[in-house]
Amino acid sequence: MADRILVFYGSYRSDRLGIRLANYIVGRLQQRGAAPELIDAKAIGLPILDRMYKEYPKGTAPAPMEILAEKLRQADAFIFVTGEYNWGPQPGLKNLTDHFLEEWFWRPAAIASYSAGRFSGVRSGTVWHGILSEMGMVVISSTLAVGPISQTLDADGAPIGEGGKALENGFGRFADDLAWWTQAARAQRAREAPPY
């Protein structure tokens, strides 16, 4: 069974560079035999959080939220591709994430960060680790950190230069780590229902 992995991306900017990393990850996961799907927060366009999915009476949530909730429930794992805005996470990605809660439970998550500068979004990645753990996900220890992104991936998401070589070298461990936890969590859920 191919691992069903949702890859989340959250920039709302006009000239989005991080989409390169999201596309790279989706492509590399496909090459490994996984079944990834890109979830673009801007394309889904949920409003600023007013009511969580679970707060709607059954069958009354807005259609984009209902569709995404079902994808979350069916997923085996998640990857969050996050830029860094003033040392923190992107508000678009955080807003999308906060619309849900139980749908995230008992699955592994991974973090890939990026920035235009040399810090590669690691400060945002560090913040995301705590957020995702609080939301019931097991966050793997391997991360990807890409920066400067324009010198690491071209417009089509293909690796370039020394940064691209470093990304290619690090991706295997990142994907292997996520695959191990994905398979372990899926097997455990099949053996025993989660405690809540």
N, C-alpha and C. Protein backbone atom coordinates (compact mmCIF):
# COMPACT_ATOMS: atom_id res chain seq x y z
N MET A 1 0.84 -1.18 0.00
CA MET A 1 0.00 0.00 0.00
C MET A 1 0.89 1.25 0.00
N ALA A 2 0.63 2.15 -0.92
CA ALA A 2 1.39 3.40 -0.99
C ALA A 2 1.01 4.31 0.16
N ASP A 3 2.01 4.94 0.77
CA ASP A 3 1.75 5.88 1.85
C ASP A 3 1.02 7.10 1.30
N ARG A 4 -0.13 7.41 1.89
CA ARG A 4 -0.90 8.59 1.49
C ARG A 4 -0.42 9.76 2.33
N ILE A 5 0.30 10.68 1.69
CA ILE A 5 0.94 11.78 2.40
C ILE A 5 0.41 13.11 1.87
N LEU A 6 -0.12 13.92 2.77
CA LEU A 6 -0.56 15.26 2.40
C LEU A 6 0.59 16.23 2.65
N VAL A 7 0.92 17.02 1.64
CA VAL A 7 2.00 18.01 1.72
C VAL A 7 1.35 19.38 1.75
N PHE A 8 1.47 20.06 2.89
CA PHE A 8 0.80 21.35 3.09
C PHE A 8 1.74 22.51 2.80
N TYR A 9 1.22 23.50 2.09
CA TYR A 9 1.98 24.70 1.78
C TYR A 9 1.08 25.90 2.05
N GLY A 10 1.65 26.97 2.67
CA GLY A 10 0.77 28.01 3.17
C GLY A 10 1.02 29.45 2.79
N SER A 11 1.88 29.74 1.84
CA SER A 11 2.11 31.13 1.48
C SER A 11 0.95 31.68 0.65
N TYR A 12 0.57 32.91 0.96
CA TYR A 12 -0.45 33.62 0.19
C TYR A 12 0.16 34.72 -0.67
N ARG A 13 1.46 34.84 -0.70
CA ARG A 13 2.13 35.90 -1.45
C ARG A 13 1.95 35.73 -2.96
N SER A 14 2.09 36.83 -3.67
CA SER A 14 1.97 36.80 -5.13
C SER A 14 3.11 36.02 -5.77
N ASP A 15 4.32 36.29 -5.35
CA ASP A 15 5.50 35.63 -5.92
C ASP A 15 6.02 34.61 -4.91
N ARG A 16 5.43 33.43 -4.93
CA ARG A 16 5.71 32.41 -3.93
C ARG A 16 6.90 31.55 -4.35
N LEU A 17 7.95 31.58 -3.56
CA LEU A 17 9.11 30.76 -3.86
C LEU A 17 9.03 29.39 -3.19
N GLY A 18 8.37 29.31 -2.06
CA GLY A 18 8.30 28.06 -1.32
C GLY A 18 7.56 26.96 -2.05
N ILE A 19 6.72 27.33 -3.02
CA ILE A 19 6.02 26.31 -3.81
C ILE A 19 7.01 25.41 -4.52
N ARG A 20 8.21 25.93 -4.76
CA ARG A 20 9.26 25.11 -5.38
C ARG A 20 9.59 23.92 -4.48
N LEU A 21 9.72 24.18 -3.19
CA LEU A 21 10.04 23.11 -2.25
C LEU A 21 8.88 22.13 -2.12
N ALA A 22 7.67 22.65 -2.06
CA ALA A 22 6.50 21.77 -1.98
C ALA A 22 6.43 20.85 -3.20
N ASN A 23 6.65 21.41 -4.39
CA ASN A 23 6.62 20.60 -5.61
C ASN A 23 7.76 19.59 -5.65
N TYR A 24 8.93 20.00 -5.18
CA TYR A 24 10.07 19.08 -5.11
C TYR A 24 9.72 17.88 -4.23
N ILE A 25 9.17 18.14 -3.06
CA ILE A 25 8.83 17.07 -2.12
C ILE A 25 7.79 16.13 -2.73
N VAL A 26 6.76 16.68 -3.33
CA VAL A 26 5.73 15.85 -3.97
C VAL A 26 6.37 14.96 -5.04
N GLY A 27 7.21 15.54 -5.88
CA GLY A 27 7.84 14.77 -6.94
C GLY A 27 8.75 13.67 -6.42
N ARG A 28 9.55 13.97 -5.40
CA ARG A 28 10.46 12.96 -4.85
C ARG A 28 9.68 11.85 -4.14
N LEU A 29 8.60 12.20 -3.46
CA LEU A 29 7.78 11.16 -2.82
C LEU A 29 7.14 10.24 -3.86
N GLN A 30 6.69 10.81 -4.96
CA GLN A 30 6.12 9.99 -6.04
C GLN A 30 7.17 9.03 -6.59
N GLN A 31 8.39 9.50 -6.76
CA GLN A 31 9.47 8.64 -7.25
C GLN A 31 9.74 7.48 -6.30
N ARG A 32 9.50 7.68 -5.03
CA ARG A 32 9.72 6.63 -4.02
C ARG A 32 8.53 5.68 -3.90
N GLY A 33 7.46 5.93 -4.65
CA GLY A 33 6.29 5.05 -4.61
C GLY A 33 5.20 5.46 -3.66
N ALA A 34 5.34 6.62 -3.03
CA ALA A 34 4.29 7.13 -2.14
C ALA A 34 3.18 7.77 -2.98
N ALA A 35 2.10 8.11 -2.32
CA ALA A 35 0.97 8.77 -2.97
C ALA A 35 0.76 10.14 -2.32
N PRO A 36 1.61 11.12 -2.67
CA PRO A 36 1.48 12.45 -2.05
C PRO A 36 0.42 13.30 -2.75
N GLU A 37 -0.11 14.26 -2.01
CA GLU A 37 -1.01 15.25 -2.59
C GLU A 37 -0.67 16.61 -1.99
N LEU A 38 -0.51 17.60 -2.85
CA LEU A 38 -0.24 18.96 -2.40
C LEU A 38 -1.53 19.60 -1.95
N ILE A 39 -1.52 20.15 -0.74
CA ILE A 39 -2.65 20.92 -0.20
C ILE A 39 -2.16 22.36 -0.07
N ASP A 40 -2.63 23.22 -0.93
CA ASP A 40 -2.22 24.61 -0.98
C ASP A 40 -3.25 25.46 -0.22
N ALA A 41 -2.84 26.01 0.90
CA ALA A 41 -3.77 26.79 1.73
C ALA A 41 -4.41 27.93 0.95
N LYS A 42 -3.64 28.58 0.09
CA LYS A 42 -4.17 29.69 -0.70
C LYS A 42 -5.27 29.21 -1.65
N ALA A 43 -5.07 28.05 -2.27
CA ALA A 43 -6.07 27.51 -3.20
C ALA A 43 -7.34 27.09 -2.48
N ILE A 44 -7.19 26.54 -1.27
CA ILE A 44 -8.37 26.13 -0.50
C ILE A 44 -9.11 27.35 0.01
N GLY A 45 -8.36 28.35 0.48
CA GLY A 45 -8.95 29.64 0.82
C GLY A 45 -9.89 29.65 2.00
N LEU A 46 -9.57 28.91 3.06
CA LEU A 46 -10.42 28.98 4.25
C LEU A 46 -10.34 30.38 4.86
N PRO A 47 -11.44 30.88 5.42
CA PRO A 47 -11.41 32.20 6.04
C PRO A 47 -10.58 32.17 7.32
N ILE A 48 -10.27 33.35 7.85
CA ILE A 48 -9.63 33.40 9.16
C ILE A 48 -10.52 32.63 10.13
N LEU A 49 -9.91 31.83 10.96
CA LEU A 49 -10.65 30.89 11.80
C LEU A 49 -11.74 31.58 12.62
N ASP A 50 -12.96 31.14 12.38
CA ASP A 50 -14.11 31.56 13.16
C ASP A 50 -14.69 30.35 13.88
N ARG A 51 -14.81 29.26 13.16
CA ARG A 51 -15.38 28.04 13.72
C ARG A 51 -14.59 26.86 13.18
N MET A 52 -14.14 25.99 14.10
CA MET A 52 -13.43 24.78 13.68
C MET A 52 -14.39 23.81 13.01
N TYR A 53 -13.83 22.91 12.24
CA TYR A 53 -14.62 21.90 11.54
C TYR A 53 -15.53 21.16 12.52
N LYS A 54 -14.99 20.77 13.67
CA LYS A 54 -15.77 19.99 14.64
C LYS A 54 -16.91 20.79 15.26
N GLU A 55 -16.91 22.11 15.12
CA GLU A 55 -17.95 22.94 15.72
C GLU A 55 -19.18 23.10 14.82
N TYR A 56 -19.08 22.61 13.59
CA TYR A 56 -20.24 22.64 12.70
C TYR A 56 -21.08 21.39 12.95
N PRO A 57 -22.40 21.53 12.93
CA PRO A 57 -23.23 20.32 12.97
C PRO A 57 -22.89 19.44 11.76
N LYS A 58 -22.94 18.13 11.95
CA LYS A 58 -22.56 17.18 10.89
C LYS A 58 -23.25 17.54 9.57
N GLY A 59 -22.45 17.63 8.53
CA GLY A 59 -22.97 17.91 7.19
C GLY A 59 -23.18 19.37 6.85
N THR A 60 -22.82 20.29 7.77
CA THR A 60 -23.07 21.71 7.50
C THR A 60 -21.79 22.54 7.33
N ALA A 61 -20.63 21.92 7.44
CA ALA A 61 -19.37 22.67 7.25
C ALA A 61 -19.26 23.11 5.80
N PRO A 62 -18.58 24.23 5.53
CA PRO A 62 -18.37 24.65 4.15
C PRO A 62 -17.70 23.54 3.34
N ALA A 63 -18.04 23.43 2.07
CA ALA A 63 -17.56 22.33 1.22
C ALA A 63 -16.04 22.17 1.23
N PRO A 64 -15.24 23.26 1.09
CA PRO A 64 -13.79 23.05 1.10
C PRO A 64 -13.29 22.44 2.41
N MET A 65 -13.90 22.81 3.51
CA MET A 65 -13.51 22.29 4.81
C MET A 65 -13.90 20.81 4.93
N GLU A 66 -15.08 20.47 4.45
CA GLU A 66 -15.55 19.08 4.49
C GLU A 66 -14.64 18.18 3.64
N ILE A 67 -14.28 18.65 2.46
CA ILE A 67 -13.41 17.87 1.57
C ILE A 67 -12.05 17.65 2.22
N LEU A 68 -11.49 18.72 2.78
CA LEU A 68 -10.17 18.60 3.41
C LEU A 68 -10.23 17.71 4.65
N ALA A 69 -11.29 17.80 5.42
CA ALA A 69 -11.43 16.93 6.61
C ALA A 69 -11.38 15.46 6.21
N GLU A 70 -12.03 15.12 5.13
CA GLU A 70 -12.01 13.73 4.67
C GLU A 70 -10.61 13.33 4.21
N LYS A 71 -9.91 14.22 3.53
CA LYS A 71 -8.53 13.92 3.11
C LYS A 71 -7.63 13.72 4.33
N LEU A 72 -7.82 14.53 5.36
CA LEU A 72 -7.03 14.37 6.59
C LEU A 72 -7.29 13.01 7.23
N ARG A 73 -8.54 12.62 7.29
CA ARG A 73 -8.89 11.34 7.92
C ARG A 73 -8.30 10.15 7.15
N GLN A 74 -8.18 10.29 5.83
CA GLN A 74 -7.68 9.20 4.99
C GLN A 74 -6.15 9.17 4.88
N ALA A 75 -5.49 10.25 5.26
CA ALA A 75 -4.04 10.35 5.10
C ALA A 75 -3.31 9.46 6.10
N ASP A 76 -2.13 9.02 5.68
CA ASP A 76 -1.24 8.27 6.56
C ASP A 76 -0.24 9.17 7.27
N ALA A 77 0.10 10.30 6.64
CA ALA A 77 1.13 11.19 7.20
C ALA A 77 0.97 12.58 6.58
N PHE A 78 1.67 13.53 7.20
CA PHE A 78 1.61 14.92 6.75
C PHE A 78 3.01 15.51 6.68
N ILE A 79 3.21 16.40 5.71
CA ILE A 79 4.42 17.20 5.64
C ILE A 79 3.99 18.66 5.57
N PHE A 80 4.59 19.48 6.42
CA PHE A 80 4.30 20.91 6.46
C PHE A 80 5.49 21.66 5.88
N VAL A 81 5.26 22.34 4.77
CA VAL A 81 6.30 23.14 4.11
C VAL A 81 6.07 24.58 4.55
N THR A 82 6.98 25.09 5.35
CA THR A 82 6.76 26.38 5.99
C THR A 82 7.85 27.39 5.71
N GLY A 83 7.43 28.56 5.33
CA GLY A 83 8.34 29.70 5.25
C GLY A 83 8.44 30.33 6.62
N GLU A 84 9.31 31.31 6.70
CA GLU A 84 9.52 31.99 7.98
C GLU A 84 9.18 33.47 7.82
N TYR A 85 8.22 33.94 8.57
CA TYR A 85 7.84 35.34 8.55
C TYR A 85 8.19 35.93 9.91
N ASN A 86 9.21 36.77 9.95
CA ASN A 86 9.61 37.44 11.19
C ASN A 86 9.80 36.45 12.35
N TRP A 87 10.54 35.41 12.09
CA TRP A 87 10.86 34.36 13.06
C TRP A 87 9.69 33.43 13.35
N GLY A 88 8.62 33.54 12.65
CA GLY A 88 7.45 32.73 12.97
C GLY A 88 6.87 32.04 11.76
N PRO A 89 5.82 31.23 11.98
CA PRO A 89 5.19 30.49 10.90
C PRO A 89 4.30 31.37 10.03
N GLN A 90 4.07 30.90 8.83
CA GLN A 90 3.17 31.62 7.92
C GLN A 90 1.74 31.60 8.45
N PRO A 91 1.09 32.73 8.47
CA PRO A 91 -0.28 32.76 9.00
C PRO A 91 -1.26 31.94 8.17
N GLY A 92 -1.08 31.86 6.86
CA GLY A 92 -2.00 31.08 6.03
C GLY A 92 -1.97 29.61 6.36
N LEU A 93 -0.77 29.07 6.58
CA LEU A 93 -0.64 27.66 6.91
C LEU A 93 -1.15 27.38 8.32
N LYS A 94 -0.85 28.26 9.24
CA LYS A 94 -1.33 28.10 10.62
C LYS A 94 -2.86 28.17 10.66
N ASN A 95 -3.44 29.10 9.92
CA ASN A 95 -4.89 29.24 9.88
C ASN A 95 -5.55 27.96 9.35
N LEU A 96 -5.02 27.42 8.27
CA LEU A 96 -5.59 26.19 7.72
C LEU A 96 -5.50 25.06 8.75
N THR A 97 -4.35 24.91 9.36
CA THR A 97 -4.12 23.85 10.34
C THR A 97 -5.09 23.95 11.51
N ASP A 98 -5.32 25.16 12.00
CA ASP A 98 -6.16 25.35 13.18
C ASP A 98 -7.64 25.05 12.96
N HIS A 99 -8.07 24.93 11.72
CA HIS A 99 -9.48 24.61 11.45
C HIS A 99 -9.83 23.17 11.86
N PHE A 100 -8.82 22.36 12.12
CA PHE A 100 -9.05 20.94 12.41
C PHE A 100 -8.34 20.56 13.70
N LEU A 101 -8.73 19.44 14.28
CA LEU A 101 -8.02 18.94 15.45
C LEU A 101 -7.98 17.41 15.44
N GLU A 102 -9.08 16.74 15.75
CA GLU A 102 -9.08 15.28 15.83
C GLU A 102 -8.63 14.64 14.52
N GLU A 103 -8.84 15.33 13.41
CA GLU A 103 -8.47 14.78 12.11
C GLU A 103 -6.95 14.58 11.98
N TRP A 104 -6.17 15.28 12.79
CA TRP A 104 -4.71 15.16 12.75
C TRP A 104 -4.18 14.02 13.60
N PHE A 105 -4.97 13.56 14.56
CA PHE A 105 -4.47 12.67 15.61
C PHE A 105 -3.86 11.39 15.06
N TRP A 106 -2.82 10.90 15.78
CA TRP A 106 -2.24 9.57 15.62
C TRP A 106 -1.57 9.34 14.28
N ARG A 107 -1.06 10.41 13.66
CA ARG A 107 -0.31 10.27 12.41
C ARG A 107 1.00 11.04 12.53
N PRO A 108 2.03 10.59 11.83
CA PRO A 108 3.30 11.31 11.86
C PRO A 108 3.26 12.55 10.97
N ALA A 109 4.07 13.51 11.34
CA ALA A 109 4.21 14.74 10.57
C ALA A 109 5.69 15.05 10.43
N ALA A 110 6.02 15.72 9.34
CA ALA A 110 7.38 16.16 9.08
C ALA A 110 7.35 17.63 8.71
N ILE A 111 8.48 18.29 8.92
CA ILE A 111 8.57 19.73 8.67
C ILE A 111 9.70 20.00 7.69
N ALA A 112 9.37 20.76 6.66
CA ALA A 112 10.36 21.25 5.70
C ALA A 112 10.25 22.77 5.70
N SER A 113 11.34 23.44 6.02
CA SER A 113 11.30 24.90 6.09
C SER A 113 12.18 25.51 5.01
N TYR A 114 11.91 26.77 4.72
CA TYR A 114 12.67 27.49 3.69
C TYR A 114 12.65 28.98 3.99
N SER A 115 13.59 29.67 3.40
CA SER A 115 13.58 31.13 3.44
C SER A 115 14.44 31.65 2.31
N ALA A 116 14.36 32.94 2.12
CA ALA A 116 15.19 33.59 1.10
C ALA A 116 16.63 33.73 1.58
N GLY A 117 16.84 33.61 2.87
CA GLY A 117 18.16 33.80 3.45
C GLY A 117 18.81 32.52 3.91
N ARG A 118 19.91 32.68 4.57
CA ARG A 118 20.73 31.52 4.94
C ARG A 118 20.20 30.74 6.14
N PHE A 119 19.27 31.28 6.91
CA PHE A 119 18.74 30.55 8.06
C PHE A 119 17.72 29.48 7.66
N SER A 120 17.29 29.48 6.42
CA SER A 120 16.49 28.40 5.84
C SER A 120 15.16 28.15 6.54
N GLY A 121 14.62 29.13 7.23
CA GLY A 121 13.33 28.97 7.88
C GLY A 121 13.34 28.11 9.12
N VAL A 122 14.52 27.82 9.68
CA VAL A 122 14.59 26.88 10.81
C VAL A 122 13.88 27.41 12.05
N ARG A 123 13.81 28.72 12.23
CA ARG A 123 13.10 29.23 13.40
C ARG A 123 11.61 28.94 13.30
N SER A 124 11.05 29.05 12.11
CA SER A 124 9.65 28.68 11.92
C SER A 124 9.45 27.18 12.09
N GLY A 125 10.38 26.39 11.57
CA GLY A 125 10.30 24.94 11.73
C GLY A 125 10.28 24.52 13.19
N THR A 126 11.08 25.22 14.00
CA THR A 126 11.13 24.92 15.43
C THR A 126 9.78 25.22 16.08
N VAL A 127 9.17 26.31 15.71
CA VAL A 127 7.84 26.67 16.24
C VAL A 127 6.80 25.63 15.83
N TRP A 128 6.87 25.18 14.57
CA TRP A 128 5.90 24.20 14.08
C TRP A 128 5.98 22.89 14.84
N HIS A 129 7.15 22.52 15.28
CA HIS A 129 7.30 21.25 16.00
C HIS A 129 6.36 21.21 17.21
N GLY A 130 6.36 22.26 18.00
CA GLY A 130 5.47 22.32 19.16
C GLY A 130 4.00 22.37 18.79
N ILE A 131 3.68 23.12 17.75
CA ILE A 131 2.29 23.24 17.30
C ILE A 131 1.74 21.88 16.88
N LEU A 132 2.49 21.18 16.06
CA LEU A 132 2.01 19.90 15.54
C LEU A 132 1.92 18.84 16.63
N SER A 133 2.87 18.85 17.55
CA SER A 133 2.81 17.92 18.68
C SER A 133 1.55 18.17 19.51
N GLU A 134 1.26 19.43 19.77
CA GLU A 134 0.07 19.77 20.54
C GLU A 134 -1.21 19.33 19.84
N MET A 135 -1.17 19.27 18.51
CA MET A 135 -2.35 18.90 17.74
C MET A 135 -2.45 17.39 17.52
N GLY A 136 -1.66 16.61 18.24
CA GLY A 136 -1.82 15.16 18.23
C GLY A 136 -1.01 14.40 17.20
N MET A 137 -0.04 15.06 16.58
CA MET A 137 0.81 14.37 15.60
C MET A 137 2.14 14.00 16.24
N VAL A 138 2.76 12.95 15.73
CA VAL A 138 4.11 12.58 16.13
C VAL A 138 5.04 13.22 15.11
N VAL A 139 5.85 14.17 15.54
CA VAL A 139 6.72 14.91 14.62
C VAL A 139 8.06 14.18 14.54
N ILE A 140 8.44 13.80 13.33
CA ILE A 140 9.69 13.07 13.16
C ILE A 140 10.88 13.99 13.42
N SER A 141 12.01 13.39 13.74
CA SER A 141 13.19 14.19 14.08
C SER A 141 13.89 14.75 12.86
N SER A 142 13.80 14.09 11.72
CA SER A 142 14.45 14.59 10.51
C SER A 142 13.67 15.77 9.94
N THR A 143 14.41 16.78 9.50
CA THR A 143 13.79 17.95 8.88
C THR A 143 14.54 18.29 7.60
N LEU A 144 13.91 19.10 6.78
CA LEU A 144 14.57 19.71 5.64
C LEU A 144 14.59 21.20 5.90
N ALA A 145 15.71 21.84 5.61
CA ALA A 145 15.83 23.29 5.75
C ALA A 145 16.52 23.81 4.49
N VAL A 146 15.82 24.66 3.75
CA VAL A 146 16.29 25.09 2.44
C VAL A 146 16.43 26.60 2.40
N GLY A 147 17.63 27.05 2.10
CA GLY A 147 17.85 28.48 1.94
C GLY A 147 19.27 28.77 1.53
N PRO A 148 19.45 29.81 0.77
CA PRO A 148 18.42 30.58 0.09
C PRO A 148 17.68 29.73 -0.94
N ILE A 149 16.37 29.79 -0.92
CA ILE A 149 15.58 28.89 -1.76
C ILE A 149 15.80 29.14 -3.24
N SER A 150 15.98 30.39 -3.63
CA SER A 150 16.16 30.69 -5.06
C SER A 150 17.50 30.18 -5.59
N GLN A 151 18.42 29.84 -4.68
CA GLN A 151 19.70 29.28 -5.09
C GLN A 151 19.77 27.77 -4.87
N THR A 152 18.64 27.18 -4.47
CA THR A 152 18.58 25.74 -4.18
C THR A 152 17.66 25.01 -5.14
N LEU A 153 16.55 25.65 -5.51
CA LEU A 153 15.58 25.04 -6.43
C LEU A 153 15.22 26.05 -7.51
N ASP A 154 15.14 25.58 -8.76
CA ASP A 154 14.73 26.49 -9.83
C ASP A 154 13.22 26.64 -9.84
N ALA A 155 12.69 27.39 -10.77
CA ALA A 155 11.25 27.70 -10.80
C ALA A 155 10.39 26.44 -10.94
N ASP A 156 10.97 25.37 -11.49
CA ASP A 156 10.23 24.11 -11.65
C ASP A 156 10.43 23.16 -10.48
N GLY A 157 11.17 23.58 -9.47
CA GLY A 157 11.41 22.74 -8.31
C GLY A 157 12.56 21.76 -8.49
N ALA A 158 13.40 22.00 -9.49
CA ALA A 158 14.56 21.13 -9.71
C ALA A 158 15.75 21.66 -8.91
N PRO A 159 16.52 20.78 -8.28
CA PRO A 159 17.68 21.21 -7.49
C PRO A 159 18.74 21.89 -8.37
N ILE A 160 19.33 22.96 -7.82
CA ILE A 160 20.41 23.65 -8.52
C ILE A 160 21.51 23.98 -7.51
N GLY A 161 22.72 24.09 -8.01
CA GLY A 161 23.84 24.54 -7.19
C GLY A 161 24.14 23.64 -6.01
N GLU A 162 24.98 24.18 -5.13
CA GLU A 162 25.40 23.43 -3.94
C GLU A 162 24.22 23.19 -2.99
N GLY A 163 23.33 24.16 -2.88
CA GLY A 163 22.15 23.97 -2.03
C GLY A 163 21.27 22.84 -2.53
N GLY A 164 21.13 22.73 -3.84
CA GLY A 164 20.35 21.65 -4.42
C GLY A 164 20.97 20.30 -4.15
N LYS A 165 22.31 20.24 -4.21
CA LYS A 165 23.00 18.99 -3.90
C LYS A 165 22.78 18.60 -2.44
N ALA A 166 22.86 19.57 -1.56
CA ALA A 166 22.64 19.30 -0.13
C ALA A 166 21.21 18.81 0.12
N LEU A 167 20.25 19.42 -0.56
CA LEU A 167 18.85 18.99 -0.42
C LEU A 167 18.68 17.56 -0.89
N GLU A 168 19.25 17.23 -2.04
CA GLU A 168 19.15 15.87 -2.57
C GLU A 168 19.78 14.87 -1.59
N ASN A 169 20.90 15.24 -1.01
CA ASN A 169 21.58 14.36 -0.05
C ASN A 169 20.75 14.14 1.21
N GLY A 170 20.02 15.17 1.66
CA GLY A 170 19.25 15.07 2.89
C GLY A 170 17.86 14.50 2.73
N PHE A 171 17.33 14.51 1.50
CA PHE A 171 15.94 14.10 1.32
C PHE A 171 15.72 12.62 1.66
N GLY A 172 16.67 11.77 1.32
CA GLY A 172 16.48 10.34 1.56
C GLY A 172 16.25 10.00 3.02
N ARG A 173 17.06 10.58 3.89
CA ARG A 173 16.88 10.31 5.33
C ARG A 173 15.54 10.87 5.82
N PHE A 174 15.20 12.07 5.39
CA PHE A 174 13.92 12.69 5.74
C PHE A 174 12.76 11.77 5.34
N ALA A 175 12.77 11.31 4.10
CA ALA A 175 11.68 10.46 3.60
C ALA A 175 11.68 9.09 4.26
N ASP A 176 12.87 8.53 4.53
CA ASP A 176 12.95 7.24 5.20
C ASP A 176 12.38 7.32 6.61
N ASP A 177 12.72 8.39 7.32
CA ASP A 177 12.23 8.60 8.68
C ASP A 177 10.71 8.68 8.68
N LEU A 178 10.17 9.49 7.78
CA LEU A 178 8.72 9.63 7.70
C LEU A 178 8.06 8.31 7.32
N ALA A 179 8.64 7.57 6.37
CA ALA A 179 8.06 6.30 5.94
C ALA A 179 8.02 5.29 7.09
N TRP A 180 9.08 5.25 7.90
CA TRP A 180 9.12 4.30 9.02
C TRP A 180 7.99 4.60 10.00
N TRP A 181 7.85 5.86 10.38
CA TRP A 181 6.79 6.24 11.34
C TRP A 181 5.40 6.09 10.72
N THR A 182 5.29 6.34 9.44
CA THR A 182 4.01 6.18 8.76
C THR A 182 3.55 4.73 8.81
N GLN A 183 4.46 3.83 8.49
CA GLN A 183 4.13 2.41 8.50
C GLN A 183 3.85 1.92 9.92
N ALA A 184 4.64 2.39 10.88
CA ALA A 184 4.44 1.98 12.28
C ALA A 184 3.07 2.45 12.79
N ALA A 185 2.72 3.70 12.51
CA ALA A 185 1.43 4.24 12.98
C ALA A 185 0.27 3.54 12.30
N ARG A 186 0.39 3.27 11.00
CA ARG A 186 -0.69 2.58 10.29
C ARG A 186 -0.89 1.17 10.85
N ALA A 187 0.20 0.46 11.12
CA ALA A 187 0.10 -0.89 11.67
C ALA A 187 -0.52 -0.86 13.06
N GLN A 188 -0.15 0.10 13.88
CA GLN A 188 -0.71 0.19 15.23
C GLN A 188 -2.20 0.53 15.20
N ARG A 189 -2.60 1.43 14.31
CA ARG A 189 -4.03 1.76 14.20
C ARG A 189 -4.83 0.55 13.74
N ALA A 190 -4.22 -0.31 12.92
CA ALA A 190 -4.91 -1.52 12.47
C ALA A 190 -5.05 -2.54 13.59
N ARG A 191 -4.07 -2.56 14.52
CA ARG A 191 -4.09 -3.51 15.63
C ARG A 191 -5.04 -3.07 16.75
N GLU A 192 -5.06 -1.77 17.00
CA GLU A 192 -5.78 -1.28 18.17
C GLU A 192 -6.29 0.13 17.90
N ALA A 193 -7.53 0.36 18.28
CA ALA A 193 -8.11 1.70 18.11
C ALA A 193 -7.37 2.69 19.00
N PRO A 194 -7.14 3.91 18.53
CA PRO A 194 -6.51 4.92 19.38
C PRO A 194 -7.31 5.11 20.67
N PRO A 195 -6.65 5.49 21.76
CA PRO A 195 -7.34 5.58 23.05
C PRO A 195 -8.37 6.71 23.11
N TYR A 196 -8.29 7.69 22.23
CA TYR A 196 -9.31 8.75 22.17
C TYR A 196 -9.31 9.37 20.80
